Amino acid sequence: MDYEKGSIDVDGTRLTTLASKNVAADAPVLVFGHGAGANLQHAHMTAIADALGDQGIGTFRYNFPYMELGKRRVDKQEVCLQTIDAALAAAIERFEGHPILLAGHSFGGRMSSHYAASNPDADISGLVFFSFPLHLAKKPATKRAAHLPDITRPMLFLSGDRDALADTKLLEGVTGDLPLATLHWLYTADHSYKILKRTRVDMIDVYEEAATEVAAWFSRP
């Protein structure tokens, strides 16, 4: 897939962006944040973006400041929300007339959910969470989902049933209580969408499955 490199400014820091080229008219575009330990060009992020592109869905990827500056500690939530605000504004300008979805892998998705919860009038059509990190590994809890009922847009959760950061019963309980949420399990996939090749019965590639589900979910009435 072809992408155009650019940047956005957040408090004087230039953050790298990658935007899909040649997105069909009226096709949705995901403003797509990375996980805590990998930048916008990580193989996992690229695989998701490429698979979405195969479905005619555009992406606008961006780095958070800590990642751009090579720091290990993630930014404070307020900085992350400021970054998402800048990325969203840039995506809306670049893809004028396209439906815009907030999205992210893991940390990027969680920060996007906080942005949507605190900005109910944001110009977005929905949210897509690739491996929503419901809790820390081996510490099942639902505290990180407390703000999700405040989101006023449709939400799609795409999680592997081996995700150590999202206990299946807990995530099913959380999403089941949200009238605007849809949960799709990617069987044998872990938090990074690595699969068990011997036991996965789905013949479709896991990234293709995730992207196909995004397209189907977005097209539903």
N, C-alpha and C. Protein backbone atom coordinates (compact mmCIF):
# COMPACT_ATOMS: atom_id res chain seq x y z
N MET A 1 0.84 -1.19 0.00
CA MET A 1 0.00 0.00 0.00
C MET A 1 0.88 1.25 0.00
N ASP A 2 0.35 2.33 -0.56
CA ASP A 2 1.10 3.58 -0.62
C ASP A 2 0.65 4.54 0.47
N TYR A 3 1.63 5.14 1.14
CA TYR A 3 1.34 6.09 2.21
C TYR A 3 2.18 7.35 2.02
N GLU A 4 1.64 8.45 2.47
CA GLU A 4 2.34 9.73 2.38
C GLU A 4 2.80 10.14 3.77
N LYS A 5 4.10 10.40 3.90
CA LYS A 5 4.66 10.81 5.17
C LYS A 5 4.42 12.29 5.39
N GLY A 6 4.07 12.64 6.64
CA GLY A 6 3.84 14.03 7.00
C GLY A 6 4.15 14.24 8.46
N SER A 7 3.58 15.29 9.03
CA SER A 7 3.81 15.56 10.44
C SER A 7 2.70 16.44 11.00
N ILE A 8 2.57 16.40 12.30
CA ILE A 8 1.68 17.30 13.03
C ILE A 8 2.49 17.92 14.16
N ASP A 9 2.06 19.06 14.65
CA ASP A 9 2.76 19.76 15.72
C ASP A 9 1.97 19.65 17.02
N VAL A 10 2.64 19.22 18.08
CA VAL A 10 2.03 19.18 19.40
C VAL A 10 2.99 19.86 20.37
N ASP A 11 2.63 21.05 20.78
CA ASP A 11 3.47 21.84 21.70
C ASP A 11 4.91 21.99 21.20
N GLY A 12 5.06 22.24 19.94
CA GLY A 12 6.38 22.47 19.38
C GLY A 12 7.14 21.23 18.97
N THR A 13 6.57 20.06 19.20
CA THR A 13 7.20 18.80 18.79
C THR A 13 6.56 18.31 17.50
N ARG A 14 7.37 18.08 16.48
CA ARG A 14 6.85 17.56 15.22
C ARG A 14 6.74 16.05 15.30
N LEU A 15 5.54 15.55 15.09
CA LEU A 15 5.26 14.13 15.19
C LEU A 15 5.01 13.55 13.81
N THR A 16 5.64 12.44 13.52
CA THR A 16 5.52 11.80 12.22
C THR A 16 4.11 11.25 12.00
N THR A 17 3.63 11.38 10.77
CA THR A 17 2.34 10.80 10.39
C THR A 17 2.52 10.03 9.07
N LEU A 18 1.64 9.06 8.86
CA LEU A 18 1.58 8.32 7.60
C LEU A 18 0.12 8.24 7.17
N ALA A 19 -0.19 8.77 6.01
CA ALA A 19 -1.57 8.81 5.53
C ALA A 19 -1.72 7.99 4.26
N SER A 20 -2.80 7.25 4.16
CA SER A 20 -3.07 6.46 2.96
C SER A 20 -3.24 7.38 1.75
N LYS A 21 -2.76 6.90 0.62
CA LYS A 21 -2.96 7.61 -0.63
C LYS A 21 -4.13 6.99 -1.40
N ASN A 22 -4.76 7.79 -2.21
CA ASN A 22 -5.78 7.30 -3.15
C ASN A 22 -6.93 6.56 -2.47
N VAL A 23 -7.47 7.14 -1.42
CA VAL A 23 -8.62 6.55 -0.74
C VAL A 23 -9.88 6.91 -1.52
N ALA A 24 -10.69 5.92 -1.81
CA ALA A 24 -11.90 6.14 -2.60
C ALA A 24 -12.85 7.11 -1.90
N ALA A 25 -13.58 7.86 -2.68
CA ALA A 25 -14.53 8.83 -2.15
C ALA A 25 -15.52 8.15 -1.20
N ASP A 26 -15.77 8.80 -0.09
CA ASP A 26 -16.72 8.34 0.93
C ASP A 26 -16.25 7.14 1.74
N ALA A 27 -15.06 6.60 1.44
CA ALA A 27 -14.54 5.48 2.24
C ALA A 27 -14.10 5.99 3.60
N PRO A 28 -14.27 5.19 4.65
CA PRO A 28 -13.86 5.62 5.98
C PRO A 28 -12.35 5.68 6.13
N VAL A 29 -11.90 6.52 7.04
CA VAL A 29 -10.48 6.65 7.35
C VAL A 29 -10.30 6.52 8.86
N LEU A 30 -9.36 5.66 9.27
CA LEU A 30 -9.08 5.46 10.69
C LEU A 30 -7.91 6.33 11.12
N VAL A 31 -8.11 7.16 12.13
CA VAL A 31 -7.02 7.89 12.77
C VAL A 31 -6.45 6.93 13.80
N PHE A 32 -5.26 6.41 13.52
CA PHE A 32 -4.78 5.15 14.08
C PHE A 32 -3.53 5.34 14.95
N GLY A 33 -3.69 5.18 16.28
CA GLY A 33 -2.60 5.34 17.22
C GLY A 33 -1.92 4.01 17.55
N HIS A 34 -0.63 4.07 17.80
CA HIS A 34 0.17 2.86 18.04
C HIS A 34 0.09 2.40 19.50
N GLY A 35 0.65 1.22 19.75
CA GLY A 35 0.72 0.68 21.10
C GLY A 35 1.84 1.30 21.91
N ALA A 36 1.95 0.90 23.17
CA ALA A 36 2.90 1.54 24.08
C ALA A 36 4.35 1.32 23.68
N GLY A 37 4.67 0.17 23.06
CA GLY A 37 6.06 -0.14 22.80
C GLY A 37 6.47 -0.16 21.35
N ALA A 38 5.63 0.32 20.45
CA ALA A 38 5.95 0.25 19.02
C ALA A 38 5.42 1.49 18.31
N ASN A 39 6.19 2.01 17.35
CA ASN A 39 5.77 3.24 16.69
C ASN A 39 4.84 2.99 15.51
N LEU A 40 4.53 4.06 14.80
CA LEU A 40 3.54 3.96 13.72
C LEU A 40 3.99 3.09 12.56
N GLN A 41 5.31 2.82 12.45
CA GLN A 41 5.82 2.01 11.35
C GLN A 41 6.12 0.57 11.75
N HIS A 42 5.74 0.18 12.95
CA HIS A 42 5.96 -1.19 13.39
C HIS A 42 5.23 -2.15 12.44
N ALA A 43 5.78 -3.35 12.29
CA ALA A 43 5.22 -4.33 11.36
C ALA A 43 3.75 -4.63 11.65
N HIS A 44 3.38 -4.66 12.92
CA HIS A 44 1.98 -4.94 13.29
C HIS A 44 1.08 -3.82 12.83
N MET A 45 1.50 -2.57 13.07
CA MET A 45 0.72 -1.42 12.63
C MET A 45 0.60 -1.40 11.10
N THR A 46 1.70 -1.69 10.43
CA THR A 46 1.69 -1.69 8.97
C THR A 46 0.80 -2.79 8.42
N ALA A 47 0.83 -3.97 9.06
CA ALA A 47 0.00 -5.08 8.60
C ALA A 47 -1.49 -4.74 8.73
N ILE A 48 -1.85 -4.10 9.83
CA ILE A 48 -3.25 -3.69 10.00
C ILE A 48 -3.64 -2.66 8.95
N ALA A 49 -2.79 -1.65 8.77
CA ALA A 49 -3.08 -0.59 7.79
C ALA A 49 -3.19 -1.15 6.38
N ASP A 50 -2.28 -2.07 6.03
CA ASP A 50 -2.31 -2.67 4.69
C ASP A 50 -3.59 -3.48 4.48
N ALA A 51 -3.96 -4.25 5.50
CA ALA A 51 -5.18 -5.06 5.39
C ALA A 51 -6.42 -4.19 5.26
N LEU A 52 -6.45 -3.10 6.00
CA LEU A 52 -7.57 -2.16 5.89
C LEU A 52 -7.60 -1.55 4.48
N GLY A 53 -6.41 -1.22 3.97
CA GLY A 53 -6.35 -0.67 2.63
C GLY A 53 -6.89 -1.62 1.59
N ASP A 54 -6.65 -2.91 1.78
CA ASP A 54 -7.19 -3.91 0.85
C ASP A 54 -8.72 -3.93 0.86
N GLN A 55 -9.30 -3.45 1.96
CA GLN A 55 -10.76 -3.36 2.07
C GLN A 55 -11.27 -1.98 1.65
N GLY A 56 -10.36 -1.14 1.14
CA GLY A 56 -10.77 0.19 0.71
C GLY A 56 -10.87 1.20 1.83
N ILE A 57 -10.29 0.87 2.99
CA ILE A 57 -10.36 1.74 4.17
C ILE A 57 -9.02 2.45 4.35
N GLY A 58 -9.06 3.76 4.52
CA GLY A 58 -7.85 4.53 4.69
C GLY A 58 -7.41 4.59 6.13
N THR A 59 -6.15 4.96 6.34
CA THR A 59 -5.61 5.14 7.69
C THR A 59 -4.77 6.41 7.74
N PHE A 60 -4.75 7.01 8.93
CA PHE A 60 -3.89 8.16 9.23
C PHE A 60 -3.17 7.81 10.52
N ARG A 61 -1.94 7.30 10.37
CA ARG A 61 -1.17 6.90 11.54
C ARG A 61 -0.35 8.07 12.08
N TYR A 62 -0.06 8.04 13.36
CA TYR A 62 0.71 9.10 13.99
C TYR A 62 1.49 8.55 15.18
N ASN A 63 2.57 9.22 15.52
CA ASN A 63 3.34 8.90 16.72
C ASN A 63 2.89 9.75 17.89
N PHE A 64 2.94 9.19 19.08
CA PHE A 64 2.81 9.99 20.29
C PHE A 64 4.18 10.63 20.57
N PRO A 65 4.22 11.75 21.30
CA PRO A 65 5.50 12.45 21.52
C PRO A 65 6.60 11.58 22.11
N TYR A 66 6.29 10.77 23.13
CA TYR A 66 7.34 9.97 23.77
C TYR A 66 8.01 9.04 22.77
N MET A 67 7.23 8.49 21.86
CA MET A 67 7.77 7.58 20.87
C MET A 67 8.61 8.34 19.85
N GLU A 68 8.14 9.50 19.44
CA GLU A 68 8.88 10.31 18.48
C GLU A 68 10.24 10.71 19.05
N LEU A 69 10.29 10.96 20.36
CA LEU A 69 11.51 11.43 21.01
C LEU A 69 12.37 10.29 21.55
N GLY A 70 11.94 9.05 21.34
CA GLY A 70 12.73 7.91 21.76
C GLY A 70 12.70 7.64 23.25
N LYS A 71 11.65 8.06 23.92
CA LYS A 71 11.53 7.83 25.35
C LYS A 71 10.79 6.53 25.62
N ARG A 72 11.04 5.91 26.75
CA ARG A 72 10.38 4.64 27.09
C ARG A 72 9.06 4.85 27.81
N ARG A 73 9.01 5.86 28.67
CA ARG A 73 7.80 6.09 29.45
C ARG A 73 6.74 6.77 28.58
N VAL A 74 5.52 6.24 28.59
CA VAL A 74 4.46 6.82 27.77
C VAL A 74 4.10 8.20 28.29
N ASP A 75 3.51 9.00 27.41
CA ASP A 75 3.10 10.35 27.79
C ASP A 75 1.93 10.33 28.76
N LYS A 76 1.77 11.41 29.48
CA LYS A 76 0.61 11.57 30.34
C LYS A 76 -0.65 11.61 29.48
N GLN A 77 -1.75 11.24 30.08
CA GLN A 77 -2.99 11.16 29.32
C GLN A 77 -3.33 12.48 28.64
N GLU A 78 -3.13 13.59 29.32
CA GLU A 78 -3.48 14.89 28.73
C GLU A 78 -2.67 15.16 27.46
N VAL A 79 -1.42 14.73 27.45
CA VAL A 79 -0.59 14.90 26.26
C VAL A 79 -1.08 13.99 25.13
N CYS A 80 -1.45 12.79 25.48
CA CYS A 80 -1.98 11.86 24.49
C CYS A 80 -3.27 12.39 23.87
N LEU A 81 -4.13 12.95 24.68
CA LEU A 81 -5.39 13.48 24.15
C LEU A 81 -5.14 14.69 23.27
N GLN A 82 -4.16 15.50 23.63
CA GLN A 82 -3.79 16.64 22.81
C GLN A 82 -3.24 16.16 21.46
N THR A 83 -2.47 15.08 21.50
CA THR A 83 -1.92 14.51 20.28
C THR A 83 -3.03 13.97 19.38
N ILE A 84 -3.97 13.25 19.96
CA ILE A 84 -5.09 12.71 19.19
C ILE A 84 -5.91 13.84 18.59
N ASP A 85 -6.09 14.91 19.33
CA ASP A 85 -6.83 16.06 18.82
C ASP A 85 -6.15 16.64 17.58
N ALA A 86 -4.82 16.75 17.63
CA ALA A 86 -4.07 17.28 16.49
C ALA A 86 -4.13 16.33 15.30
N ALA A 87 -4.01 15.02 15.58
CA ALA A 87 -4.07 14.03 14.50
C ALA A 87 -5.45 14.01 13.86
N LEU A 88 -6.48 14.10 14.68
CA LEU A 88 -7.85 14.09 14.18
C LEU A 88 -8.09 15.31 13.30
N ALA A 89 -7.65 16.48 13.74
CA ALA A 89 -7.83 17.70 12.96
C ALA A 89 -7.12 17.59 11.61
N ALA A 90 -5.90 17.04 11.63
CA ALA A 90 -5.14 16.90 10.39
C ALA A 90 -5.81 15.91 9.44
N ALA A 91 -6.33 14.83 9.99
CA ALA A 91 -7.00 13.82 9.17
C ALA A 91 -8.29 14.36 8.56
N ILE A 92 -9.04 15.11 9.34
CA ILE A 92 -10.29 15.68 8.83
C ILE A 92 -10.00 16.65 7.69
N GLU A 93 -8.94 17.43 7.82
CA GLU A 93 -8.57 18.36 6.76
C GLU A 93 -8.09 17.62 5.52
N ARG A 94 -7.27 16.60 5.73
CA ARG A 94 -6.71 15.88 4.58
C ARG A 94 -7.76 15.05 3.87
N PHE A 95 -8.64 14.43 4.63
CA PHE A 95 -9.65 13.53 4.06
C PHE A 95 -11.04 14.16 4.17
N GLU A 96 -11.15 15.38 3.70
CA GLU A 96 -12.42 16.10 3.79
C GLU A 96 -13.54 15.31 3.11
N GLY A 97 -14.65 15.18 3.82
CA GLY A 97 -15.80 14.47 3.27
C GLY A 97 -15.83 12.98 3.59
N HIS A 98 -14.73 12.44 4.12
CA HIS A 98 -14.69 11.03 4.48
C HIS A 98 -15.16 10.81 5.91
N PRO A 99 -15.87 9.73 6.18
CA PRO A 99 -16.18 9.40 7.58
C PRO A 99 -14.87 9.10 8.31
N ILE A 100 -14.73 9.65 9.50
CA ILE A 100 -13.51 9.47 10.28
C ILE A 100 -13.79 8.60 11.51
N LEU A 101 -12.93 7.61 11.73
CA LEU A 101 -13.02 6.75 12.90
C LEU A 101 -11.76 6.90 13.72
N LEU A 102 -11.89 6.98 15.04
CA LEU A 102 -10.73 6.93 15.91
C LEU A 102 -10.38 5.47 16.14
N ALA A 103 -9.10 5.17 16.15
CA ALA A 103 -8.69 3.78 16.30
C ALA A 103 -7.31 3.71 16.93
N GLY A 104 -6.97 2.51 17.37
CA GLY A 104 -5.63 2.32 17.90
C GLY A 104 -5.40 0.89 18.30
N HIS A 105 -4.12 0.53 18.30
CA HIS A 105 -3.73 -0.76 18.85
C HIS A 105 -3.37 -0.56 20.31
N SER A 106 -3.96 -1.35 21.20
CA SER A 106 -3.62 -1.37 22.62
C SER A 106 -3.66 0.03 23.23
N PHE A 107 -2.52 0.56 23.65
CA PHE A 107 -2.44 1.87 24.28
C PHE A 107 -3.08 2.96 23.42
N GLY A 108 -2.82 2.92 22.12
CA GLY A 108 -3.41 3.92 21.23
C GLY A 108 -4.92 3.87 21.22
N GLY A 109 -5.47 2.66 21.30
CA GLY A 109 -6.91 2.51 21.37
C GLY A 109 -7.49 3.00 22.68
N ARG A 110 -6.79 2.69 23.77
CA ARG A 110 -7.27 3.13 25.08
C ARG A 110 -7.28 4.65 25.17
N MET A 111 -6.22 5.29 24.68
CA MET A 111 -6.19 6.75 24.70
C MET A 111 -7.28 7.33 23.79
N SER A 112 -7.53 6.68 22.67
CA SER A 112 -8.60 7.13 21.78
C SER A 112 -9.95 7.05 22.46
N SER A 113 -10.14 6.01 23.28
CA SER A 113 -11.41 5.87 23.99
C SER A 113 -11.57 6.99 25.02
N HIS A 114 -10.49 7.37 25.68
CA HIS A 114 -10.57 8.49 26.63
C HIS A 114 -10.87 9.79 25.89
N TYR A 115 -10.29 9.95 24.71
CA TYR A 115 -10.56 11.16 23.93
C TYR A 115 -12.04 11.23 23.57
N ALA A 116 -12.59 10.13 23.08
CA ALA A 116 -14.00 10.11 22.68
C ALA A 116 -14.92 10.33 23.88
N ALA A 117 -14.56 9.78 25.03
CA ALA A 117 -15.39 9.93 26.22
C ALA A 117 -15.41 11.38 26.71
N SER A 118 -14.29 12.07 26.56
CA SER A 118 -14.21 13.46 27.04
C SER A 118 -14.54 14.49 25.96
N ASN A 119 -14.75 14.04 24.73
CA ASN A 119 -15.12 14.93 23.63
C ASN A 119 -16.32 14.36 22.87
N PRO A 120 -17.49 14.35 23.50
CA PRO A 120 -18.66 13.71 22.90
C PRO A 120 -19.11 14.33 21.58
N ASP A 121 -18.69 15.57 21.31
CA ASP A 121 -19.09 16.22 20.07
C ASP A 121 -18.03 16.12 18.98
N ALA A 122 -17.01 15.31 19.21
CA ALA A 122 -15.94 15.16 18.21
C ALA A 122 -16.52 14.65 16.88
N ASP A 123 -15.93 15.12 15.79
CA ASP A 123 -16.43 14.77 14.46
C ASP A 123 -15.91 13.40 14.03
N ILE A 124 -16.40 12.37 14.70
CA ILE A 124 -16.02 11.00 14.38
C ILE A 124 -17.27 10.14 14.24
N SER A 125 -17.16 9.09 13.43
CA SER A 125 -18.31 8.20 13.21
C SER A 125 -18.29 6.98 14.10
N GLY A 126 -17.16 6.71 14.74
CA GLY A 126 -17.06 5.54 15.61
C GLY A 126 -15.63 5.31 16.03
N LEU A 127 -15.41 4.20 16.75
CA LEU A 127 -14.08 3.84 17.23
C LEU A 127 -13.81 2.37 16.97
N VAL A 128 -12.56 2.07 16.65
CA VAL A 128 -12.13 0.69 16.43
C VAL A 128 -10.94 0.41 17.34
N PHE A 129 -11.07 -0.63 18.16
CA PHE A 129 -10.01 -0.99 19.11
C PHE A 129 -9.37 -2.31 18.69
N PHE A 130 -8.12 -2.24 18.29
CA PHE A 130 -7.35 -3.44 17.98
C PHE A 130 -6.62 -3.85 19.26
N SER A 131 -7.11 -4.90 19.93
CA SER A 131 -6.54 -5.38 21.19
C SER A 131 -6.66 -4.33 22.29
N PHE A 132 -7.90 -4.02 22.68
CA PHE A 132 -8.11 -3.07 23.78
C PHE A 132 -7.48 -3.66 25.05
N PRO A 133 -6.58 -2.91 25.72
CA PRO A 133 -5.89 -3.44 26.91
C PRO A 133 -6.74 -3.24 28.17
N LEU A 134 -7.61 -4.17 28.42
CA LEU A 134 -8.55 -4.03 29.53
C LEU A 134 -7.86 -4.00 30.88
N HIS A 135 -6.73 -4.69 30.98
CA HIS A 135 -6.01 -4.76 32.26
C HIS A 135 -4.57 -5.14 32.01
N LEU A 136 -3.75 -5.11 33.04
CA LEU A 136 -2.37 -5.57 32.93
C LEU A 136 -2.33 -7.10 32.85
N ALA A 137 -1.27 -7.64 32.31
CA ALA A 137 -1.14 -9.08 32.21
C ALA A 137 -1.18 -9.72 33.59
N LYS A 138 -1.95 -10.78 33.73
CA LYS A 138 -2.11 -11.55 34.96
C LYS A 138 -2.74 -10.75 36.10
N LYS A 139 -3.37 -9.62 35.76
CA LYS A 139 -4.06 -8.81 36.77
C LYS A 139 -5.44 -8.42 36.24
N PRO A 140 -6.33 -9.40 36.06
CA PRO A 140 -7.65 -9.13 35.48
C PRO A 140 -8.45 -8.12 36.28
N ALA A 141 -8.99 -7.13 35.59
CA ALA A 141 -9.78 -6.08 36.22
C ALA A 141 -10.53 -5.34 35.11
N THR A 142 -11.46 -4.49 35.50
CA THR A 142 -12.24 -3.72 34.51
C THR A 142 -12.17 -2.22 34.76
N LYS A 143 -11.27 -1.78 35.63
CA LYS A 143 -11.16 -0.35 35.94
C LYS A 143 -10.92 0.49 34.69
N ARG A 144 -10.14 -0.03 33.75
CA ARG A 144 -9.83 0.72 32.54
C ARG A 144 -11.03 0.92 31.62
N ALA A 145 -12.12 0.25 31.93
CA ALA A 145 -13.32 0.37 31.11
C ALA A 145 -14.36 1.31 31.72
N ALA A 146 -14.05 1.91 32.85
CA ALA A 146 -15.03 2.72 33.58
C ALA A 146 -15.58 3.87 32.76
N HIS A 147 -14.78 4.42 31.86
CA HIS A 147 -15.21 5.58 31.06
C HIS A 147 -15.95 5.20 29.78
N LEU A 148 -15.94 3.95 29.40
CA LEU A 148 -16.50 3.55 28.11
C LEU A 148 -17.99 3.88 27.97
N PRO A 149 -18.81 3.80 29.04
CA PRO A 149 -20.21 4.18 28.88
C PRO A 149 -20.42 5.64 28.49
N ASP A 150 -19.39 6.48 28.64
CA ASP A 150 -19.51 7.89 28.28
C ASP A 150 -19.32 8.14 26.79
N ILE A 151 -18.90 7.11 26.06
CA ILE A 151 -18.69 7.26 24.62
C ILE A 151 -20.02 7.19 23.89
N THR A 152 -20.25 8.15 23.01
CA THR A 152 -21.54 8.26 22.33
C THR A 152 -21.50 7.80 20.88
N ARG A 153 -20.44 7.10 20.49
CA ARG A 153 -20.31 6.62 19.11
C ARG A 153 -20.18 5.09 19.13
N PRO A 154 -20.54 4.44 18.03
CA PRO A 154 -20.38 2.98 17.95
C PRO A 154 -18.91 2.57 18.13
N MET A 155 -18.72 1.43 18.77
CA MET A 155 -17.37 0.92 19.05
C MET A 155 -17.24 -0.52 18.57
N LEU A 156 -16.09 -0.82 17.96
CA LEU A 156 -15.78 -2.19 17.54
C LEU A 156 -14.52 -2.64 18.25
N PHE A 157 -14.61 -3.76 18.96
CA PHE A 157 -13.47 -4.35 19.67
C PHE A 157 -13.02 -5.58 18.89
N LEU A 158 -11.76 -5.59 18.49
CA LEU A 158 -11.18 -6.73 17.76
C LEU A 158 -10.06 -7.29 18.62
N SER A 159 -10.36 -8.37 19.33
CA SER A 159 -9.41 -8.91 20.30
C SER A 159 -9.18 -10.40 20.07
N GLY A 160 -7.95 -10.83 20.32
CA GLY A 160 -7.65 -12.25 20.24
C GLY A 160 -8.08 -12.95 21.51
N ASP A 161 -8.53 -14.19 21.39
CA ASP A 161 -9.00 -14.90 22.58
C ASP A 161 -7.85 -15.45 23.42
N ARG A 162 -6.60 -15.17 23.02
CA ARG A 162 -5.44 -15.48 23.86
C ARG A 162 -4.76 -14.19 24.37
N ASP A 163 -5.46 -13.09 24.28
CA ASP A 163 -4.89 -11.80 24.70
C ASP A 163 -4.73 -11.77 26.21
N ALA A 164 -3.49 -11.67 26.68
CA ALA A 164 -3.22 -11.66 28.12
C ALA A 164 -3.66 -10.37 28.79
N LEU A 165 -4.01 -9.36 27.98
CA LEU A 165 -4.43 -8.08 28.53
C LEU A 165 -5.94 -7.86 28.42
N ALA A 166 -6.67 -8.94 28.11
CA ALA A 166 -8.13 -8.83 27.99
C ALA A 166 -8.76 -10.19 28.25
N ASP A 167 -9.00 -10.48 29.52
CA ASP A 167 -9.69 -11.72 29.89
C ASP A 167 -11.00 -11.83 29.11
N THR A 168 -11.23 -12.97 28.50
CA THR A 168 -12.39 -13.09 27.61
C THR A 168 -13.72 -12.83 28.32
N LYS A 169 -13.90 -13.40 29.49
CA LYS A 169 -15.16 -13.21 30.20
C LYS A 169 -15.34 -11.76 30.63
N LEU A 170 -14.25 -11.14 31.07
CA LEU A 170 -14.34 -9.74 31.49
C LEU A 170 -14.65 -8.82 30.32
N LEU A 171 -13.98 -9.04 29.19
CA LEU A 171 -14.23 -8.18 28.04
C LEU A 171 -15.63 -8.41 27.49
N GLU A 172 -16.08 -9.65 27.50
CA GLU A 172 -17.45 -9.92 27.06
C GLU A 172 -18.45 -9.23 27.99
N GLY A 173 -18.17 -9.22 29.28
CA GLY A 173 -19.06 -8.56 30.23
C GLY A 173 -19.09 -7.06 30.03
N VAL A 174 -17.91 -6.47 29.82
CA VAL A 174 -17.82 -5.02 29.60
C VAL A 174 -18.56 -4.61 28.34
N THR A 175 -18.27 -5.27 27.23
CA THR A 175 -18.88 -4.88 25.97
C THR A 175 -20.37 -5.24 25.93
N GLY A 176 -20.75 -6.29 26.64
CA GLY A 176 -22.16 -6.68 26.68
C GLY A 176 -23.03 -5.65 27.35
N ASP A 177 -22.43 -4.85 28.22
CA ASP A 177 -23.17 -3.79 28.92
C ASP A 177 -23.18 -2.47 28.15
N LEU A 178 -22.52 -2.44 27.01
CA LEU A 178 -22.44 -1.21 26.22
C LEU A 178 -23.30 -1.36 24.96
N PRO A 179 -24.42 -0.65 24.87
CA PRO A 179 -25.31 -0.82 23.71
C PRO A 179 -24.68 -0.44 22.38
N LEU A 180 -23.62 0.35 22.41
CA LEU A 180 -22.99 0.79 21.17
C LEU A 180 -21.75 -0.03 20.80
N ALA A 181 -21.48 -1.08 21.57
CA ALA A 181 -20.26 -1.86 21.36
C ALA A 181 -20.51 -3.17 20.63
N THR A 182 -19.57 -3.52 19.77
CA THR A 182 -19.55 -4.82 19.09
C THR A 182 -18.20 -5.47 19.37
N LEU A 183 -18.22 -6.73 19.76
CA LEU A 183 -17.00 -7.47 20.06
C LEU A 183 -16.83 -8.60 19.05
N HIS A 184 -15.64 -8.66 18.44
CA HIS A 184 -15.33 -9.75 17.52
C HIS A 184 -14.05 -10.43 17.99
N TRP A 185 -14.15 -11.73 18.24
CA TRP A 185 -12.98 -12.49 18.68
C TRP A 185 -12.18 -12.99 17.49
N LEU A 186 -10.88 -12.83 17.57
CA LEU A 186 -9.95 -13.38 16.58
C LEU A 186 -9.35 -14.64 17.21
N TYR A 187 -9.81 -15.79 16.78
CA TYR A 187 -9.49 -17.04 17.46
C TYR A 187 -8.01 -17.42 17.34
N THR A 188 -7.45 -17.77 18.46
CA THR A 188 -6.06 -18.17 18.75
C THR A 188 -5.09 -17.00 18.67
N ALA A 189 -5.58 -15.78 18.43
CA ALA A 189 -4.68 -14.62 18.35
C ALA A 189 -4.36 -14.10 19.76
N ASP A 190 -3.12 -13.60 19.92
CA ASP A 190 -2.76 -12.99 21.19
C ASP A 190 -2.84 -11.47 21.06
N HIS A 191 -2.24 -10.74 21.99
CA HIS A 191 -2.35 -9.28 22.00
C HIS A 191 -1.78 -8.64 20.74
N SER A 192 -0.77 -9.28 20.14
CA SER A 192 -0.14 -8.76 18.92
C SER A 192 -0.63 -9.48 17.67
N TYR A 193 -1.73 -10.23 17.80
CA TYR A 193 -2.35 -10.96 16.70
C TYR A 193 -1.50 -12.13 16.20
N LYS A 194 -0.58 -12.61 17.04
CA LYS A 194 0.12 -13.83 16.70
C LYS A 194 -0.82 -14.99 16.95
N ILE A 195 -0.87 -15.95 16.03
CA ILE A 195 -1.85 -17.02 16.11
C ILE A 195 -1.19 -18.37 16.35
N LEU A 196 -2.01 -19.34 16.73
CA LEU A 196 -1.57 -20.73 16.85
C LEU A 196 -1.93 -21.43 15.54
N LYS A 197 -0.95 -21.59 14.68
CA LYS A 197 -1.22 -22.09 13.33
C LYS A 197 -1.82 -23.49 13.31
N ARG A 198 -1.46 -24.31 14.31
CA ARG A 198 -1.94 -25.69 14.29
C ARG A 198 -3.39 -25.83 14.74
N THR A 199 -3.85 -24.90 15.57
CA THR A 199 -5.19 -25.05 16.13
C THR A 199 -6.19 -24.02 15.62
N ARG A 200 -5.73 -22.98 14.93
CA ARG A 200 -6.65 -21.98 14.38
C ARG A 200 -7.40 -22.60 13.20
N VAL A 201 -8.72 -22.64 13.30
CA VAL A 201 -9.53 -23.27 12.26
C VAL A 201 -9.89 -22.29 11.15
N ASP A 202 -9.85 -20.98 11.44
CA ASP A 202 -10.18 -19.99 10.43
C ASP A 202 -9.07 -19.95 9.38
N MET A 203 -9.43 -20.15 8.14
CA MET A 203 -8.45 -20.18 7.07
C MET A 203 -7.98 -18.77 6.68
N ILE A 204 -8.80 -17.76 6.96
CA ILE A 204 -8.48 -16.40 6.59
C ILE A 204 -7.33 -15.87 7.46
N ASP A 205 -6.45 -15.08 6.86
CA ASP A 205 -5.38 -14.43 7.59
C ASP A 205 -5.96 -13.55 8.68
N VAL A 206 -5.33 -13.51 9.84
CA VAL A 206 -5.90 -12.79 10.98
C VAL A 206 -6.05 -11.30 10.70
N TYR A 207 -5.11 -10.72 9.98
CA TYR A 207 -5.22 -9.29 9.64
C TYR A 207 -6.34 -9.06 8.63
N GLU A 208 -6.45 -9.96 7.68
CA GLU A 208 -7.55 -9.86 6.72
C GLU A 208 -8.89 -10.01 7.42
N GLU A 209 -8.95 -10.92 8.39
CA GLU A 209 -10.19 -11.10 9.15
C GLU A 209 -10.56 -9.83 9.89
N ALA A 210 -9.58 -9.22 10.56
CA ALA A 210 -9.86 -7.99 11.31
C ALA A 210 -10.34 -6.87 10.40
N ALA A 211 -9.66 -6.71 9.27
CA ALA A 211 -10.03 -5.64 8.34
C ALA A 211 -11.39 -5.89 7.71
N THR A 212 -11.68 -7.14 7.39
CA THR A 212 -12.98 -7.49 6.82
C THR A 212 -14.09 -7.19 7.81
N GLU A 213 -13.82 -7.45 9.08
CA GLU A 213 -14.82 -7.18 10.12
C GLU A 213 -15.05 -5.67 10.26
N VAL A 214 -13.97 -4.88 10.16
CA VAL A 214 -14.13 -3.42 10.22
C VAL A 214 -15.04 -2.95 9.09
N ALA A 215 -14.78 -3.44 7.88
CA ALA A 215 -15.58 -3.04 6.73
C ALA A 215 -17.04 -3.45 6.89
N ALA A 216 -17.28 -4.67 7.36
CA ALA A 216 -18.65 -5.14 7.55
C ALA A 216 -19.36 -4.36 8.64
N TRP A 217 -18.66 -4.12 9.75
CA TRP A 217 -19.24 -3.36 10.86
C TRP A 217 -19.60 -1.95 10.44
N PHE A 218 -18.72 -1.30 9.68
CA PHE A 218 -18.98 0.08 9.28
C PHE A 218 -20.16 0.16 8.32
N SER A 219 -20.35 -0.84 7.50
CA SER A 219 -21.42 -0.80 6.48
C SER A 219 -22.79 -1.19 7.04
N ARG A 220 -22.84 -1.70 8.27
CA ARG A 220 -24.13 -2.07 8.83
C ARG A 220 -24.97 -0.85 9.14
N PRO A 221 -26.29 -0.95 8.97
CA PRO A 221 -27.17 0.19 9.25
C PRO A 221 -27.09 0.60 10.73
